[in-house]
Amino acid sequence: MSNKKYKSIGEPMDCLAEECAEVIQVIMKIKRFGLLNWHPDFSKKFNNKIQLEEEMCDVEERIKQVRKYLKEQS
C-alpha cells in the first residue's frame, strides 16, 4: 500500500490477502538473492530488507482495517 490513494479501494480481507502475498514474494526474493540484495531496476538503497519492512507495515495496516471491519459486522 505504498500509494495511500489505494487505501480505501477493495474489500478489507481482499486487500489483506494481497498484502500478505506481497510479503511472501519479498521473503522468497530474500531466500533466493539475500537480505541486502536489491532489484536491479531499483536503487541500492531500496534493498530486500527495506522492502520487507515496508510490506510488513502494509500488512499491519490492513490487519487493523480487517479488525475494524469485523467489529462493524457484529
N, C-alpha and C. Protein backbone atom coordinates (compact mmCIF):
# COMPACT_ATOMS: atom_id res chain seq x y z
N MET A 1 0.85 -1.17 0.00
CA MET A 1 0.00 0.00 0.00
C MET A 1 0.90 1.24 0.00
N SER A 2 1.86 1.21 -0.83
CA SER A 2 2.79 2.34 -0.89
C SER A 2 2.09 3.63 -1.27
N ASN A 3 1.08 3.52 -2.11
CA ASN A 3 0.34 4.70 -2.53
C ASN A 3 -0.94 4.79 -1.71
N LYS A 4 -1.05 5.82 -0.90
CA LYS A 4 -2.18 5.97 0.03
C LYS A 4 -3.51 6.15 -0.68
N LYS A 5 -3.51 6.53 -1.97
CA LYS A 5 -4.77 6.73 -2.66
C LYS A 5 -5.52 5.41 -2.86
N TYR A 6 -4.84 4.28 -2.69
CA TYR A 6 -5.47 2.98 -2.84
C TYR A 6 -5.96 2.39 -1.52
N LYS A 7 -5.78 3.12 -0.44
CA LYS A 7 -6.10 2.61 0.90
C LYS A 7 -7.54 2.15 1.04
N SER A 8 -8.47 2.85 0.44
CA SER A 8 -9.88 2.52 0.63
C SER A 8 -10.50 1.78 -0.56
N ILE A 9 -9.68 1.32 -1.49
CA ILE A 9 -10.19 0.60 -2.65
C ILE A 9 -10.14 -0.89 -2.36
N GLY A 10 -11.28 -1.57 -2.54
CA GLY A 10 -11.34 -3.02 -2.36
C GLY A 10 -11.85 -3.41 -0.99
N GLU A 11 -12.24 -4.66 -0.89
CA GLU A 11 -12.71 -5.23 0.37
C GLU A 11 -11.53 -5.42 1.31
N PRO A 12 -11.73 -5.18 2.61
CA PRO A 12 -10.61 -5.26 3.57
C PRO A 12 -9.88 -6.60 3.55
N MET A 13 -10.61 -7.71 3.49
CA MET A 13 -9.94 -9.01 3.52
C MET A 13 -9.20 -9.30 2.22
N ASP A 14 -9.73 -8.82 1.09
CA ASP A 14 -9.02 -8.97 -0.18
C ASP A 14 -7.71 -8.21 -0.15
N CYS A 15 -7.76 -6.99 0.39
CA CYS A 15 -6.55 -6.17 0.48
C CYS A 15 -5.53 -6.80 1.41
N LEU A 16 -5.98 -7.38 2.51
CA LEU A 16 -5.06 -8.06 3.43
C LEU A 16 -4.41 -9.25 2.74
N ALA A 17 -5.19 -10.03 2.02
CA ALA A 17 -4.64 -11.19 1.31
C ALA A 17 -3.58 -10.75 0.30
N GLU A 18 -3.85 -9.67 -0.41
CA GLU A 18 -2.89 -9.17 -1.39
C GLU A 18 -1.59 -8.73 -0.72
N GLU A 19 -1.72 -8.03 0.40
CA GLU A 19 -0.52 -7.59 1.12
C GLU A 19 0.27 -8.78 1.67
N CYS A 20 -0.43 -9.79 2.16
CA CYS A 20 0.26 -11.00 2.64
C CYS A 20 1.03 -11.67 1.51
N ALA A 21 0.42 -11.70 0.33
CA ALA A 21 1.09 -12.28 -0.84
C ALA A 21 2.37 -11.49 -1.18
N GLU A 22 2.31 -10.18 -1.02
CA GLU A 22 3.49 -9.36 -1.29
C GLU A 22 4.60 -9.63 -0.28
N VAL A 23 4.23 -9.87 0.98
CA VAL A 23 5.24 -10.24 1.98
C VAL A 23 5.88 -11.57 1.60
N ILE A 24 5.06 -12.53 1.20
CA ILE A 24 5.59 -13.83 0.78
C ILE A 24 6.55 -13.67 -0.39
N GLN A 25 6.19 -12.84 -1.35
CA GLN A 25 7.04 -12.62 -2.51
C GLN A 25 8.40 -12.05 -2.10
N VAL A 26 8.40 -11.08 -1.21
CA VAL A 26 9.67 -10.50 -0.76
C VAL A 26 10.49 -11.52 0.01
N ILE A 27 9.84 -12.31 0.85
CA ILE A 27 10.58 -13.33 1.61
C ILE A 27 11.24 -14.32 0.65
N MET A 28 10.55 -14.69 -0.41
CA MET A 28 11.14 -15.62 -1.38
C MET A 28 12.32 -14.97 -2.12
N LYS A 29 12.23 -13.68 -2.40
CA LYS A 29 13.36 -12.97 -3.01
C LYS A 29 14.55 -12.98 -2.06
N ILE A 30 14.29 -12.77 -0.77
CA ILE A 30 15.36 -12.80 0.22
C ILE A 30 16.00 -14.18 0.27
N LYS A 31 15.16 -15.22 0.24
CA LYS A 31 15.69 -16.59 0.28
C LYS A 31 16.57 -16.87 -0.94
N ARG A 32 16.19 -16.32 -2.09
CA ARG A 32 16.94 -16.58 -3.33
C ARG A 32 18.16 -15.68 -3.47
N PHE A 33 18.01 -14.40 -3.16
CA PHE A 33 19.04 -13.44 -3.51
C PHE A 33 19.73 -12.77 -2.32
N GLY A 34 19.16 -12.92 -1.12
CA GLY A 34 19.78 -12.35 0.06
C GLY A 34 19.05 -11.13 0.59
N LEU A 35 19.20 -10.92 1.88
CA LEU A 35 18.51 -9.85 2.59
C LEU A 35 18.92 -8.46 2.10
N LEU A 36 20.18 -8.29 1.80
CA LEU A 36 20.68 -6.97 1.45
C LEU A 36 20.80 -6.75 -0.05
N ASN A 37 20.36 -7.70 -0.84
CA ASN A 37 20.37 -7.54 -2.29
C ASN A 37 19.22 -6.63 -2.70
N TRP A 38 19.22 -6.18 -3.93
CA TRP A 38 18.17 -5.28 -4.42
C TRP A 38 17.84 -5.63 -5.86
N HIS A 39 16.66 -5.22 -6.29
CA HIS A 39 16.24 -5.41 -7.67
C HIS A 39 17.10 -4.51 -8.55
N PRO A 40 17.60 -5.01 -9.68
CA PRO A 40 18.50 -4.19 -10.50
C PRO A 40 17.86 -2.92 -11.06
N ASP A 41 16.53 -2.87 -11.12
CA ASP A 41 15.87 -1.67 -11.63
C ASP A 41 15.68 -0.60 -10.55
N PHE A 42 15.98 -0.94 -9.29
CA PHE A 42 15.79 0.00 -8.19
C PHE A 42 17.13 0.45 -7.64
N SER A 43 17.07 1.46 -6.82
CA SER A 43 18.26 1.97 -6.16
C SER A 43 18.81 0.95 -5.17
N LYS A 44 20.10 0.97 -4.97
CA LYS A 44 20.72 0.08 -3.98
C LYS A 44 20.25 0.41 -2.57
N LYS A 45 19.69 1.60 -2.37
CA LYS A 45 19.17 1.98 -1.06
C LYS A 45 17.85 1.28 -0.76
N PHE A 46 17.22 0.69 -1.78
CA PHE A 46 15.93 0.03 -1.63
C PHE A 46 16.14 -1.48 -1.73
N ASN A 47 16.81 -2.04 -0.71
CA ASN A 47 17.14 -3.45 -0.76
C ASN A 47 15.98 -4.32 -0.26
N ASN A 48 16.17 -5.62 -0.30
CA ASN A 48 15.11 -6.56 0.08
C ASN A 48 14.69 -6.39 1.54
N LYS A 49 15.64 -6.06 2.40
CA LYS A 49 15.30 -5.85 3.82
C LYS A 49 14.33 -4.68 3.97
N ILE A 50 14.62 -3.58 3.32
CA ILE A 50 13.74 -2.41 3.38
C ILE A 50 12.38 -2.73 2.77
N GLN A 51 12.40 -3.44 1.66
CA GLN A 51 11.14 -3.80 1.01
C GLN A 51 10.30 -4.68 1.93
N LEU A 52 10.92 -5.64 2.62
CA LEU A 52 10.19 -6.50 3.55
C LEU A 52 9.60 -5.68 4.69
N GLU A 53 10.37 -4.76 5.24
CA GLU A 53 9.87 -3.92 6.33
C GLU A 53 8.65 -3.11 5.88
N GLU A 54 8.72 -2.56 4.67
CA GLU A 54 7.60 -1.77 4.16
C GLU A 54 6.36 -2.64 3.94
N GLU A 55 6.56 -3.83 3.39
CA GLU A 55 5.42 -4.72 3.14
C GLU A 55 4.80 -5.19 4.46
N MET A 56 5.62 -5.43 5.48
CA MET A 56 5.08 -5.83 6.77
C MET A 56 4.26 -4.70 7.39
N CYS A 57 4.69 -3.47 7.21
CA CYS A 57 3.91 -2.32 7.70
C CYS A 57 2.56 -2.26 6.98
N ASP A 58 2.57 -2.56 5.68
CA ASP A 58 1.32 -2.58 4.92
C ASP A 58 0.38 -3.66 5.46
N VAL A 59 0.93 -4.84 5.79
CA VAL A 59 0.11 -5.92 6.35
C VAL A 59 -0.47 -5.49 7.69
N GLU A 60 0.33 -4.88 8.53
CA GLU A 60 -0.16 -4.43 9.83
C GLU A 60 -1.31 -3.44 9.68
N GLU A 61 -1.19 -2.54 8.73
CA GLU A 61 -2.26 -1.57 8.48
C GLU A 61 -3.53 -2.27 8.00
N ARG A 62 -3.37 -3.23 7.11
CA ARG A 62 -4.53 -3.96 6.60
C ARG A 62 -5.17 -4.82 7.69
N ILE A 63 -4.39 -5.36 8.60
CA ILE A 63 -4.95 -6.12 9.72
C ILE A 63 -5.84 -5.22 10.56
N LYS A 64 -5.39 -4.01 10.80
CA LYS A 64 -6.22 -3.06 11.56
C LYS A 64 -7.54 -2.81 10.83
N GLN A 65 -7.48 -2.67 9.53
CA GLN A 65 -8.70 -2.43 8.75
C GLN A 65 -9.64 -3.62 8.82
N VAL A 66 -9.09 -4.83 8.75
CA VAL A 66 -9.94 -6.03 8.84
C VAL A 66 -10.55 -6.14 10.22
N ARG A 67 -9.79 -5.86 11.26
CA ARG A 67 -10.35 -5.89 12.62
C ARG A 67 -11.50 -4.91 12.76
N LYS A 68 -11.33 -3.71 12.23
CA LYS A 68 -12.39 -2.71 12.27
C LYS A 68 -13.61 -3.21 11.50
N TYR A 69 -13.38 -3.77 10.33
CA TYR A 69 -14.48 -4.31 9.52
C TYR A 69 -15.22 -5.41 10.25
N LEU A 70 -14.49 -6.32 10.91
CA LEU A 70 -15.13 -7.41 11.64
C LEU A 70 -15.96 -6.90 12.81
N LYS A 71 -15.47 -5.88 13.49
CA LYS A 71 -16.25 -5.29 14.59
C LYS A 71 -17.53 -4.66 14.07
N GLU A 72 -17.46 -4.04 12.93
CA GLU A 72 -18.64 -3.40 12.32
C GLU A 72 -19.68 -4.44 11.90
N GLN A 73 -19.25 -5.64 11.63
CA GLN A 73 -20.16 -6.69 11.15
C GLN A 73 -20.86 -7.42 12.29
N SER A 74 -20.43 -7.20 13.53
CA SER A 74 -21.05 -7.92 14.66
C SER A 74 -22.11 -7.10 15.34
